[in-house]
Amino acid sequence: MCLKHYSLCMSVCCLVFVLSCRSQNSVSDYTVALKDCVNRTAGERINWLSKFSDEKPEGTVKLDFYDSIADFENGLIKYGLLIDKERQSYSGLISRLREGLIPKEAYLKLKNTFPTFVEINSLIGPSAMYENCPLNVLQTDVLNKEKLASFKLIYDKINYVGHPSVDIVNEVFNITDFQNDIERLSLCNLIYFNLLVKFEG
């Protein structure tokens, strides 16, 4: 009887472990797929535009756009717009966006400090990160379909409104997992677009 009970416990433990690994892998697969799609889109856009430039890069351009967003996020901390990378800090920043308390000088400092980040965003626009790539991943990822669909429904409002309003940014904030770098950095990039529209139209 004890042996059967022990075997049953071991089976349950193994099942929980396997399901846990599958859950972790699904999250990893979702973020990796989204990241790869955005980076591939950005690289293809830059390579296409380079055909019309006098200064042509050697070979095919490969980049990690999320590294540039991470630099921008660190800039938000450096210039006092974020305290850290936690949910509460982002909540405070979004409140300041809503109340119009972000000075233009801070935005210009960020823009001048991170020209690569600004340039890539100007080349690919918001469509790669907030429209095409989420849709592509949504069509292939089964385990994360509900969360991906939630993000996509909010992102679709950007096209409808014409820009990422503070309300849209806040909706994304509400479903963002701050332990997931890709989700958090996607939110951070959305905040940049909000600032861009606010200060440059």
N, C-alpha and C. Protein backbone atom coordinates (compact mmCIF):
# COMPACT_ATOMS: atom_id res chain seq x y z
N MET A 1 0.83 -1.20 0.00
CA MET A 1 0.00 0.00 0.00
C MET A 1 0.87 1.25 0.00
N CYS A 2 1.88 1.25 0.88
CA CYS A 2 2.80 2.38 0.97
C CYS A 2 3.56 2.55 -0.33
N LEU A 3 3.93 1.39 -0.93
CA LEU A 3 4.68 1.44 -2.17
C LEU A 3 3.83 2.05 -3.29
N LYS A 4 2.53 1.67 -3.34
CA LYS A 4 1.62 2.22 -4.34
C LYS A 4 1.44 3.72 -4.13
N HIS A 5 1.32 4.10 -2.84
CA HIS A 5 1.15 5.52 -2.52
C HIS A 5 2.38 6.32 -2.94
N TYR A 6 3.55 5.75 -2.69
CA TYR A 6 4.81 6.40 -3.06
C TYR A 6 4.91 6.55 -4.58
N SER A 7 4.51 5.49 -5.30
CA SER A 7 4.58 5.52 -6.77
C SER A 7 3.63 6.57 -7.33
N LEU A 8 2.43 6.66 -6.71
CA LEU A 8 1.46 7.65 -7.15
C LEU A 8 2.00 9.06 -6.93
N CYS A 9 2.61 9.29 -5.78
CA CYS A 9 3.19 10.61 -5.47
C CYS A 9 4.28 10.97 -6.47
N MET A 10 5.11 9.98 -6.76
CA MET A 10 6.20 10.22 -7.70
C MET A 10 5.65 10.56 -9.10
N SER A 11 4.60 9.87 -9.50
CA SER A 11 3.99 10.13 -10.81
C SER A 11 3.43 11.54 -10.89
N VAL A 12 2.74 11.94 -9.80
CA VAL A 12 2.18 13.28 -9.75
C VAL A 12 3.27 14.32 -9.80
N CYS A 13 4.34 14.09 -9.04
CA CYS A 13 5.47 15.04 -9.02
C CYS A 13 6.10 15.17 -10.40
N CYS A 14 6.25 14.06 -11.09
CA CYS A 14 6.85 14.08 -12.43
C CYS A 14 5.95 14.84 -13.40
N LEU A 15 4.64 14.63 -13.27
CA LEU A 15 3.70 15.31 -14.15
C LEU A 15 3.74 16.81 -13.93
N VAL A 16 3.76 17.23 -12.65
CA VAL A 16 3.83 18.65 -12.32
C VAL A 16 5.11 19.26 -12.87
N PHE A 17 6.22 18.52 -12.75
CA PHE A 17 7.51 19.01 -13.25
C PHE A 17 7.46 19.19 -14.76
N VAL A 18 6.89 18.21 -15.46
CA VAL A 18 6.82 18.28 -16.92
C VAL A 18 5.95 19.44 -17.36
N LEU A 19 4.78 19.60 -16.72
CA LEU A 19 3.88 20.70 -17.07
C LEU A 19 4.52 22.05 -16.77
N SER A 20 5.28 22.10 -15.68
CA SER A 20 5.97 23.34 -15.33
C SER A 20 7.00 23.68 -16.39
N CYS A 21 7.74 22.70 -16.84
CA CYS A 21 8.75 22.93 -17.88
C CYS A 21 8.08 23.37 -19.18
N ARG A 22 6.95 22.74 -19.51
CA ARG A 22 6.24 23.12 -20.73
C ARG A 22 5.76 24.56 -20.64
N SER A 23 5.28 24.94 -19.45
CA SER A 23 4.80 26.32 -19.27
C SER A 23 5.94 27.30 -19.44
N GLN A 24 7.10 27.00 -18.82
CA GLN A 24 8.25 27.89 -18.93
C GLN A 24 8.73 27.97 -20.38
N ASN A 25 8.75 26.83 -21.05
CA ASN A 25 9.22 26.82 -22.43
C ASN A 25 8.27 27.58 -23.34
N SER A 26 6.95 27.49 -23.07
CA SER A 26 5.99 28.18 -23.92
C SER A 26 6.16 29.68 -23.81
N VAL A 27 6.40 30.16 -22.59
CA VAL A 27 6.64 31.59 -22.42
C VAL A 27 7.91 31.99 -23.14
N SER A 28 8.95 31.17 -22.99
CA SER A 28 10.21 31.46 -23.66
C SER A 28 10.03 31.46 -25.17
N ASP A 29 9.30 30.45 -25.68
CA ASP A 29 9.10 30.36 -27.12
C ASP A 29 8.33 31.58 -27.64
N TYR A 30 7.33 32.01 -26.90
CA TYR A 30 6.54 33.17 -27.32
C TYR A 30 7.40 34.42 -27.40
N THR A 31 8.20 34.67 -26.38
CA THR A 31 9.02 35.89 -26.38
C THR A 31 10.12 35.81 -27.42
N VAL A 32 10.72 34.63 -27.57
CA VAL A 32 11.78 34.46 -28.56
C VAL A 32 11.23 34.66 -29.97
N ALA A 33 10.05 34.10 -30.23
CA ALA A 33 9.44 34.23 -31.56
C ALA A 33 9.11 35.69 -31.86
N LEU A 34 8.58 36.40 -30.88
CA LEU A 34 8.24 37.81 -31.08
C LEU A 34 9.49 38.64 -31.30
N LYS A 35 10.50 38.39 -30.47
CA LYS A 35 11.76 39.12 -30.59
C LYS A 35 12.42 38.88 -31.94
N ASP A 36 12.45 37.62 -32.37
CA ASP A 36 13.06 37.29 -33.66
C ASP A 36 12.33 37.98 -34.80
N CYS A 37 11.00 38.01 -34.72
CA CYS A 37 10.21 38.63 -35.79
C CYS A 37 10.49 40.12 -35.88
N VAL A 38 10.50 40.80 -34.74
CA VAL A 38 10.76 42.25 -34.73
C VAL A 38 12.17 42.54 -35.25
N ASN A 39 13.15 41.78 -34.76
CA ASN A 39 14.53 42.01 -35.21
C ASN A 39 14.70 41.71 -36.69
N ARG A 40 14.04 40.67 -37.16
CA ARG A 40 14.13 40.32 -38.59
C ARG A 40 13.49 41.42 -39.44
N THR A 41 12.34 41.92 -38.99
CA THR A 41 11.65 42.99 -39.72
C THR A 41 12.50 44.25 -39.77
N ALA A 42 13.09 44.59 -38.63
CA ALA A 42 13.95 45.78 -38.58
C ALA A 42 15.16 45.62 -39.48
N GLY A 43 15.78 44.43 -39.43
CA GLY A 43 16.96 44.18 -40.26
C GLY A 43 16.62 44.24 -41.74
N GLU A 44 15.49 43.64 -42.13
CA GLU A 44 15.08 43.67 -43.54
C GLU A 44 14.80 45.09 -44.00
N ARG A 45 14.19 45.87 -43.14
CA ARG A 45 13.88 47.26 -43.50
C ARG A 45 15.16 48.07 -43.69
N ILE A 46 16.11 47.89 -42.78
CA ILE A 46 17.38 48.62 -42.88
C ILE A 46 18.16 48.18 -44.11
N ASN A 47 18.17 46.87 -44.37
CA ASN A 47 18.88 46.36 -45.56
C ASN A 47 18.26 46.89 -46.84
N TRP A 48 16.92 46.97 -46.87
CA TRP A 48 16.24 47.49 -48.06
C TRP A 48 16.56 48.96 -48.28
N LEU A 49 16.53 49.74 -47.19
CA LEU A 49 16.81 51.17 -47.31
C LEU A 49 18.27 51.44 -47.67
N SER A 50 19.15 50.53 -47.24
CA SER A 50 20.58 50.73 -47.51
C SER A 50 20.89 50.68 -49.01
N LYS A 51 19.99 50.06 -49.79
CA LYS A 51 20.19 49.99 -51.25
C LYS A 51 20.17 51.38 -51.87
N PHE A 52 19.50 52.32 -51.20
CA PHE A 52 19.36 53.67 -51.73
C PHE A 52 20.29 54.66 -51.05
N SER A 53 21.19 54.11 -50.22
CA SER A 53 22.11 54.97 -49.49
C SER A 53 23.51 54.92 -50.10
N ASP A 54 24.24 56.03 -50.01
CA ASP A 54 25.61 56.05 -50.51
C ASP A 54 26.54 55.24 -49.61
N GLU A 55 26.20 55.19 -48.30
CA GLU A 55 26.99 54.43 -47.35
C GLU A 55 26.33 53.08 -47.11
N LYS A 56 26.77 52.08 -47.83
CA LYS A 56 26.16 50.77 -47.75
C LYS A 56 26.88 49.92 -46.69
N PRO A 57 26.13 49.23 -45.80
CA PRO A 57 26.77 48.36 -44.82
C PRO A 57 27.37 47.14 -45.48
N GLU A 58 28.40 46.58 -44.86
CA GLU A 58 29.02 45.37 -45.39
C GLU A 58 28.18 44.17 -44.97
N GLY A 59 27.70 43.40 -45.96
CA GLY A 59 26.90 42.24 -45.65
C GLY A 59 25.49 42.61 -45.21
N THR A 60 24.81 41.65 -44.59
CA THR A 60 23.44 41.85 -44.13
C THR A 60 23.43 42.37 -42.71
N VAL A 61 22.61 43.40 -42.47
CA VAL A 61 22.52 43.99 -41.13
C VAL A 61 21.74 43.06 -40.21
N LYS A 62 22.32 42.72 -39.08
CA LYS A 62 21.63 41.96 -38.04
C LYS A 62 21.69 42.78 -36.75
N LEU A 63 20.57 42.85 -36.06
CA LEU A 63 20.56 43.67 -34.85
C LEU A 63 19.62 43.07 -33.83
N ASP A 64 19.77 43.53 -32.59
CA ASP A 64 18.83 43.19 -31.53
C ASP A 64 18.20 44.49 -31.08
N PHE A 65 17.03 44.78 -31.62
CA PHE A 65 16.36 46.04 -31.32
C PHE A 65 16.04 46.16 -29.84
N TYR A 66 15.80 45.03 -29.19
CA TYR A 66 15.45 45.06 -27.76
C TYR A 66 16.62 45.53 -26.90
N ASP A 67 17.84 45.33 -27.38
CA ASP A 67 18.99 45.90 -26.67
C ASP A 67 18.92 47.42 -26.69
N SER A 68 18.50 47.98 -27.82
CA SER A 68 18.36 49.43 -27.93
C SER A 68 17.25 49.95 -27.00
N ILE A 69 16.14 49.18 -26.92
CA ILE A 69 15.07 49.58 -26.01
C ILE A 69 15.54 49.51 -24.57
N ALA A 70 16.34 48.50 -24.25
CA ALA A 70 16.88 48.36 -22.89
C ALA A 70 17.77 49.56 -22.55
N ASP A 71 18.54 50.03 -23.52
CA ASP A 71 19.36 51.23 -23.30
C ASP A 71 18.47 52.44 -23.02
N PHE A 72 17.38 52.55 -23.79
CA PHE A 72 16.44 53.65 -23.59
C PHE A 72 15.81 53.56 -22.20
N GLU A 73 15.45 52.36 -21.79
CA GLU A 73 14.87 52.16 -20.45
C GLU A 73 15.85 52.60 -19.37
N ASN A 74 17.12 52.25 -19.54
CA ASN A 74 18.14 52.69 -18.58
C ASN A 74 18.27 54.21 -18.60
N GLY A 75 18.05 54.82 -19.78
CA GLY A 75 18.06 56.28 -19.88
C GLY A 75 16.92 56.90 -19.10
N LEU A 76 15.75 56.26 -19.12
CA LEU A 76 14.62 56.74 -18.34
C LEU A 76 14.96 56.75 -16.85
N ILE A 77 15.72 55.75 -16.43
CA ILE A 77 16.16 55.70 -15.03
C ILE A 77 17.22 56.77 -14.77
N LYS A 78 18.17 56.89 -15.69
CA LYS A 78 19.26 57.87 -15.53
C LYS A 78 18.73 59.29 -15.40
N TYR A 79 17.71 59.63 -16.19
CA TYR A 79 17.18 61.00 -16.17
C TYR A 79 15.99 61.18 -15.23
N GLY A 80 15.77 60.18 -14.37
CA GLY A 80 14.81 60.32 -13.29
C GLY A 80 13.36 60.13 -13.66
N LEU A 81 13.07 59.59 -14.85
CA LEU A 81 11.69 59.35 -15.23
C LEU A 81 11.19 58.00 -14.71
N LEU A 82 12.11 57.09 -14.49
CA LEU A 82 11.84 55.82 -13.82
C LEU A 82 12.77 55.69 -12.63
N ILE A 83 12.28 55.04 -11.57
CA ILE A 83 13.14 54.75 -10.42
C ILE A 83 13.89 53.44 -10.67
N ASP A 84 13.15 52.45 -11.17
CA ASP A 84 13.72 51.15 -11.49
C ASP A 84 12.85 50.50 -12.57
N LYS A 85 12.98 49.21 -12.75
CA LYS A 85 12.27 48.52 -13.82
C LYS A 85 11.04 47.77 -13.32
N GLU A 86 10.58 48.12 -12.13
CA GLU A 86 9.46 47.43 -11.52
C GLU A 86 8.13 48.07 -11.89
N ARG A 87 7.05 47.34 -11.64
CA ARG A 87 5.70 47.77 -11.99
C ARG A 87 5.34 49.11 -11.37
N GLN A 88 5.65 49.28 -10.09
CA GLN A 88 5.26 50.51 -9.41
C GLN A 88 5.93 51.73 -10.03
N SER A 89 7.17 51.58 -10.45
CA SER A 89 7.90 52.69 -11.08
C SER A 89 7.27 53.06 -12.42
N TYR A 90 6.91 52.05 -13.21
CA TYR A 90 6.25 52.32 -14.49
C TYR A 90 4.88 52.96 -14.27
N SER A 91 4.19 52.53 -13.23
CA SER A 91 2.89 53.11 -12.91
C SER A 91 3.02 54.61 -12.64
N GLY A 92 4.07 54.98 -11.91
CA GLY A 92 4.31 56.39 -11.64
C GLY A 92 4.61 57.18 -12.90
N LEU A 93 5.39 56.58 -13.81
CA LEU A 93 5.71 57.24 -15.08
C LEU A 93 4.45 57.46 -15.92
N ILE A 94 3.60 56.45 -15.98
CA ILE A 94 2.37 56.57 -16.76
C ILE A 94 1.45 57.63 -16.16
N SER A 95 1.43 57.74 -14.85
CA SER A 95 0.64 58.79 -14.19
C SER A 95 1.16 60.17 -14.57
N ARG A 96 2.48 60.30 -14.64
CA ARG A 96 3.08 61.58 -15.05
C ARG A 96 2.79 61.89 -16.51
N LEU A 97 2.75 60.85 -17.35
CA LEU A 97 2.36 61.04 -18.75
C LEU A 97 0.94 61.58 -18.83
N ARG A 98 0.06 60.98 -18.04
CA ARG A 98 -1.35 61.38 -18.07
C ARG A 98 -1.54 62.82 -17.61
N GLU A 99 -0.75 63.22 -16.63
CA GLU A 99 -0.88 64.56 -16.05
C GLU A 99 -0.04 65.61 -16.79
N GLY A 100 0.69 65.16 -17.83
CA GLY A 100 1.50 66.09 -18.61
C GLY A 100 2.69 66.64 -17.85
N LEU A 101 3.29 65.80 -17.01
CA LEU A 101 4.38 66.26 -16.14
C LEU A 101 5.76 65.86 -16.64
N ILE A 102 5.85 65.33 -17.87
CA ILE A 102 7.15 64.98 -18.43
C ILE A 102 7.66 66.20 -19.20
N PRO A 103 8.77 66.80 -18.76
CA PRO A 103 9.27 68.00 -19.46
C PRO A 103 9.88 67.64 -20.82
N LYS A 104 9.72 68.54 -21.78
CA LYS A 104 10.25 68.30 -23.11
C LYS A 104 11.77 68.17 -23.08
N GLU A 105 12.42 68.86 -22.15
CA GLU A 105 13.88 68.78 -22.04
C GLU A 105 14.33 67.35 -21.76
N ALA A 106 13.56 66.63 -20.94
CA ALA A 106 13.91 65.24 -20.62
C ALA A 106 13.77 64.37 -21.87
N TYR A 107 12.72 64.60 -22.63
CA TYR A 107 12.52 63.85 -23.88
C TYR A 107 13.67 64.11 -24.86
N LEU A 108 14.06 65.37 -25.01
CA LEU A 108 15.13 65.71 -25.94
C LEU A 108 16.47 65.11 -25.51
N LYS A 109 16.70 65.06 -24.20
CA LYS A 109 17.92 64.42 -23.70
C LYS A 109 17.94 62.94 -24.09
N LEU A 110 16.81 62.28 -23.90
CA LEU A 110 16.71 60.87 -24.26
C LEU A 110 16.92 60.66 -25.76
N LYS A 111 16.29 61.51 -26.54
CA LYS A 111 16.39 61.39 -28.00
C LYS A 111 17.83 61.58 -28.47
N ASN A 112 18.53 62.54 -27.89
CA ASN A 112 19.91 62.82 -28.29
C ASN A 112 20.89 61.80 -27.75
N THR A 113 20.54 61.16 -26.63
CA THR A 113 21.44 60.18 -26.01
C THR A 113 21.39 58.83 -26.72
N PHE A 114 20.23 58.51 -27.30
CA PHE A 114 20.05 57.18 -27.90
C PHE A 114 19.63 57.30 -29.37
N PRO A 115 20.53 57.81 -30.22
CA PRO A 115 20.17 58.01 -31.63
C PRO A 115 19.88 56.72 -32.38
N THR A 116 20.55 55.62 -32.02
CA THR A 116 20.31 54.35 -32.72
C THR A 116 18.89 53.87 -32.45
N PHE A 117 18.48 53.94 -31.20
CA PHE A 117 17.12 53.56 -30.81
C PHE A 117 16.09 54.40 -31.57
N VAL A 118 16.31 55.70 -31.62
CA VAL A 118 15.39 56.62 -32.30
C VAL A 118 15.35 56.33 -33.79
N GLU A 119 16.52 56.09 -34.38
CA GLU A 119 16.60 55.86 -35.83
C GLU A 119 15.90 54.57 -36.24
N ILE A 120 16.10 53.50 -35.47
CA ILE A 120 15.45 52.23 -35.81
C ILE A 120 13.93 52.38 -35.71
N ASN A 121 13.48 53.06 -34.66
CA ASN A 121 12.04 53.28 -34.51
C ASN A 121 11.47 54.08 -35.68
N SER A 122 12.23 55.05 -36.15
CA SER A 122 11.76 55.86 -37.28
C SER A 122 11.70 55.04 -38.56
N LEU A 123 12.55 54.02 -38.67
CA LEU A 123 12.58 53.18 -39.86
C LEU A 123 11.46 52.15 -39.89
N ILE A 124 11.21 51.51 -38.75
CA ILE A 124 10.23 50.42 -38.74
C ILE A 124 8.87 50.86 -38.23
N GLY A 125 8.80 51.99 -37.51
CA GLY A 125 7.52 52.45 -36.98
C GLY A 125 6.95 51.47 -35.97
N PRO A 126 5.74 51.72 -35.51
CA PRO A 126 5.15 50.84 -34.49
C PRO A 126 4.55 49.56 -35.06
N SER A 127 4.41 49.46 -36.39
CA SER A 127 3.67 48.33 -36.96
C SER A 127 4.33 46.98 -36.72
N ALA A 128 5.67 46.91 -36.78
CA ALA A 128 6.36 45.62 -36.61
C ALA A 128 6.11 45.04 -35.22
N MET A 129 6.31 45.87 -34.20
CA MET A 129 6.21 45.38 -32.82
C MET A 129 4.77 45.23 -32.34
N TYR A 130 3.89 46.08 -32.86
CA TYR A 130 2.54 46.13 -32.30
C TYR A 130 1.44 45.68 -33.26
N GLU A 131 1.81 45.23 -34.46
CA GLU A 131 0.79 44.78 -35.39
C GLU A 131 1.20 43.48 -36.08
N ASN A 132 2.17 43.55 -36.96
CA ASN A 132 2.51 42.38 -37.79
C ASN A 132 3.07 41.22 -36.99
N CYS A 133 4.07 41.48 -36.16
CA CYS A 133 4.72 40.38 -35.44
C CYS A 133 3.82 39.73 -34.39
N PRO A 134 3.08 40.49 -33.58
CA PRO A 134 2.15 39.83 -32.65
C PRO A 134 1.13 38.95 -33.38
N LEU A 135 0.66 39.42 -34.55
CA LEU A 135 -0.29 38.63 -35.32
C LEU A 135 0.35 37.35 -35.82
N ASN A 136 1.59 37.44 -36.31
CA ASN A 136 2.29 36.25 -36.81
C ASN A 136 2.49 35.21 -35.70
N VAL A 137 2.90 35.69 -34.53
CA VAL A 137 3.13 34.77 -33.41
C VAL A 137 1.81 34.19 -32.91
N LEU A 138 0.77 35.02 -32.89
CA LEU A 138 -0.55 34.58 -32.46
C LEU A 138 -1.06 33.42 -33.31
N GLN A 139 -0.74 33.44 -34.59
CA GLN A 139 -1.23 32.41 -35.51
C GLN A 139 -0.51 31.08 -35.34
N THR A 140 0.65 31.10 -34.68
CA THR A 140 1.44 29.87 -34.56
C THR A 140 1.57 29.37 -33.13
N ASP A 141 1.39 30.25 -32.14
CA ASP A 141 1.57 29.87 -30.73
C ASP A 141 0.21 29.49 -30.14
N VAL A 142 0.09 28.23 -29.72
CA VAL A 142 -1.18 27.73 -29.19
C VAL A 142 -1.28 27.98 -27.68
N LEU A 143 -0.21 27.73 -26.96
CA LEU A 143 -0.26 27.77 -25.49
C LEU A 143 -0.43 29.18 -24.94
N ASN A 144 0.05 30.19 -25.67
CA ASN A 144 -0.04 31.57 -25.18
C ASN A 144 -1.06 32.40 -25.95
N LYS A 145 -1.98 31.71 -26.64
CA LYS A 145 -2.91 32.40 -27.54
C LYS A 145 -3.77 33.43 -26.80
N GLU A 146 -4.23 33.11 -25.60
CA GLU A 146 -5.12 34.02 -24.87
C GLU A 146 -4.42 35.33 -24.53
N LYS A 147 -3.19 35.23 -24.02
CA LYS A 147 -2.47 36.45 -23.66
C LYS A 147 -2.06 37.24 -24.90
N LEU A 148 -1.61 36.54 -25.92
CA LEU A 148 -1.23 37.22 -27.17
C LEU A 148 -2.43 37.95 -27.78
N ALA A 149 -3.59 37.31 -27.71
CA ALA A 149 -4.81 37.94 -28.24
C ALA A 149 -5.16 39.19 -27.44
N SER A 150 -4.94 39.14 -26.12
CA SER A 150 -5.21 40.31 -25.27
C SER A 150 -4.33 41.48 -25.67
N PHE A 151 -3.04 41.21 -25.88
CA PHE A 151 -2.12 42.26 -26.33
C PHE A 151 -2.55 42.79 -27.70
N LYS A 152 -2.87 41.87 -28.61
CA LYS A 152 -3.20 42.28 -29.99
C LYS A 152 -4.44 43.16 -30.02
N LEU A 153 -5.45 42.85 -29.21
CA LEU A 153 -6.67 43.65 -29.18
C LEU A 153 -6.37 45.08 -28.74
N ILE A 154 -5.45 45.22 -27.80
CA ILE A 154 -5.06 46.57 -27.34
C ILE A 154 -4.23 47.26 -28.42
N TYR A 155 -3.27 46.53 -29.00
CA TYR A 155 -2.40 47.12 -30.02
C TYR A 155 -3.23 47.61 -31.22
N ASP A 156 -4.33 46.91 -31.54
CA ASP A 156 -5.16 47.31 -32.67
C ASP A 156 -5.74 48.71 -32.47
N LYS A 157 -5.88 49.10 -31.22
CA LYS A 157 -6.43 50.43 -30.92
C LYS A 157 -5.47 51.54 -31.36
N ILE A 158 -4.17 51.22 -31.45
CA ILE A 158 -3.18 52.21 -31.90
C ILE A 158 -3.52 52.66 -33.31
N ASN A 159 -3.84 51.69 -34.19
CA ASN A 159 -4.21 52.03 -35.56
C ASN A 159 -5.51 52.83 -35.59
N TYR A 160 -6.45 52.45 -34.73
CA TYR A 160 -7.75 53.12 -34.72
C TYR A 160 -7.62 54.57 -34.23
N VAL A 161 -6.86 54.75 -33.14
CA VAL A 161 -6.69 56.09 -32.55
C VAL A 161 -5.69 56.91 -33.37
N GLY A 162 -4.69 56.22 -33.94
CA GLY A 162 -3.66 56.91 -34.71
C GLY A 162 -2.36 57.08 -33.98
N HIS A 163 -2.36 56.81 -32.67
CA HIS A 163 -1.14 56.90 -31.87
C HIS A 163 -1.39 56.18 -30.54
N PRO A 164 -0.32 55.82 -29.83
CA PRO A 164 -0.50 55.15 -28.54
C PRO A 164 -0.84 56.17 -27.44
N SER A 165 -2.13 56.38 -27.21
CA SER A 165 -2.56 57.31 -26.17
C SER A 165 -2.16 56.78 -24.80
N VAL A 166 -2.26 57.63 -23.79
CA VAL A 166 -1.94 57.20 -22.43
C VAL A 166 -2.86 56.07 -21.99
N ASP A 167 -4.13 56.13 -22.40
CA ASP A 167 -5.07 55.06 -22.05
C ASP A 167 -4.63 53.72 -22.64
N ILE A 168 -4.14 53.73 -23.88
CA ILE A 168 -3.65 52.50 -24.51
C ILE A 168 -2.40 52.01 -23.80
N VAL A 169 -1.49 52.92 -23.50
CA VAL A 169 -0.28 52.55 -22.76
C VAL A 169 -0.66 51.91 -21.42
N ASN A 170 -1.65 52.48 -20.76
CA ASN A 170 -2.07 51.96 -19.45
C ASN A 170 -2.71 50.58 -19.58
N GLU A 171 -3.45 50.35 -20.66
CA GLU A 171 -4.04 49.03 -20.88
C GLU A 171 -2.95 47.98 -21.07
N VAL A 172 -1.93 48.32 -21.83
CA VAL A 172 -0.80 47.39 -22.01
C VAL A 172 -0.10 47.16 -20.68
N PHE A 173 0.09 48.23 -19.93
CA PHE A 173 0.71 48.13 -18.60
C PHE A 173 -0.03 47.12 -17.72
N ASN A 174 -1.36 47.14 -17.75
CA ASN A 174 -2.16 46.30 -16.86
C ASN A 174 -1.97 44.81 -17.10
N ILE A 175 -1.60 44.42 -18.31
CA ILE A 175 -1.43 42.98 -18.58
C ILE A 175 0.03 42.60 -18.81
N THR A 176 0.94 43.53 -18.58
CA THR A 176 2.37 43.25 -18.77
C THR A 176 2.96 42.50 -17.58
N ASP A 177 3.69 41.44 -17.87
CA ASP A 177 4.45 40.71 -16.86
C ASP A 177 5.82 41.38 -16.76
N PHE A 178 6.10 42.04 -15.65
CA PHE A 178 7.33 42.81 -15.53
C PHE A 178 8.56 41.94 -15.31
N GLN A 179 8.36 40.66 -15.08
CA GLN A 179 9.49 39.74 -15.03
C GLN A 179 9.86 39.24 -16.42
N ASN A 180 9.02 39.55 -17.39
CA ASN A 180 9.28 39.16 -18.78
C ASN A 180 9.88 40.37 -19.50
N ASP A 181 11.16 40.29 -19.81
CA ASP A 181 11.86 41.44 -20.40
C ASP A 181 11.22 41.92 -21.69
N ILE A 182 10.79 41.00 -22.54
CA ILE A 182 10.24 41.39 -23.84
C ILE A 182 8.93 42.14 -23.67
N GLU A 183 8.07 41.66 -22.79
CA GLU A 183 6.81 42.36 -22.54
C GLU A 183 7.07 43.75 -21.95
N ARG A 184 7.98 43.82 -20.98
CA ARG A 184 8.27 45.11 -20.33
C ARG A 184 8.90 46.09 -21.33
N LEU A 185 9.83 45.62 -22.14
CA LEU A 185 10.49 46.50 -23.11
C LEU A 185 9.53 46.92 -24.22
N SER A 186 8.57 46.07 -24.57
CA SER A 186 7.56 46.46 -25.55
C SER A 186 6.72 47.61 -25.00
N LEU A 187 6.41 47.55 -23.70
CA LEU A 187 5.70 48.65 -23.04
C LEU A 187 6.55 49.91 -23.03
N CYS A 188 7.83 49.75 -22.73
CA CYS A 188 8.76 50.88 -22.68
C CYS A 188 8.82 51.57 -24.04
N ASN A 189 8.87 50.79 -25.11
CA ASN A 189 8.92 51.36 -26.45
C ASN A 189 7.64 52.10 -26.79
N LEU A 190 6.52 51.59 -26.28
CA LEU A 190 5.23 52.25 -26.49
C LEU A 190 5.21 53.62 -25.81
N ILE A 191 5.85 53.71 -24.65
CA ILE A 191 5.95 54.98 -23.94
C ILE A 191 6.77 55.98 -24.76
N TYR A 192 7.82 55.49 -25.43
CA TYR A 192 8.60 56.38 -26.31
C TYR A 192 7.71 56.95 -27.41
N PHE A 193 6.89 56.11 -28.04
CA PHE A 193 6.01 56.59 -29.11
C PHE A 193 5.02 57.63 -28.58
N ASN A 194 4.55 57.41 -27.35
CA ASN A 194 3.65 58.41 -26.74
C ASN A 194 4.35 59.75 -26.59
N LEU A 195 5.59 59.71 -26.11
CA LEU A 195 6.37 60.94 -25.95
C LEU A 195 6.66 61.61 -27.30
N LEU A 196 6.95 60.76 -28.30
CA LEU A 196 7.23 61.27 -29.64
C LEU A 196 6.05 62.07 -30.19
N VAL A 197 4.86 61.50 -30.06
CA VAL A 197 3.66 62.19 -30.55
C VAL A 197 3.39 63.46 -29.74
N LYS A 198 3.60 63.37 -28.45
CA LYS A 198 3.33 64.51 -27.57
C LYS A 198 4.22 65.70 -27.92
N PHE A 199 5.50 65.45 -28.15
CA PHE A 199 6.45 66.55 -28.32
C PHE A 199 6.77 66.88 -29.78
N GLU A 200 6.46 65.95 -30.70
CA GLU A 200 6.79 66.22 -32.10
C GLU A 200 5.60 66.09 -33.04
N GLY A 201 4.47 65.66 -32.51
CA GLY A 201 3.26 65.58 -33.31
C GLY A 201 3.22 64.41 -34.27
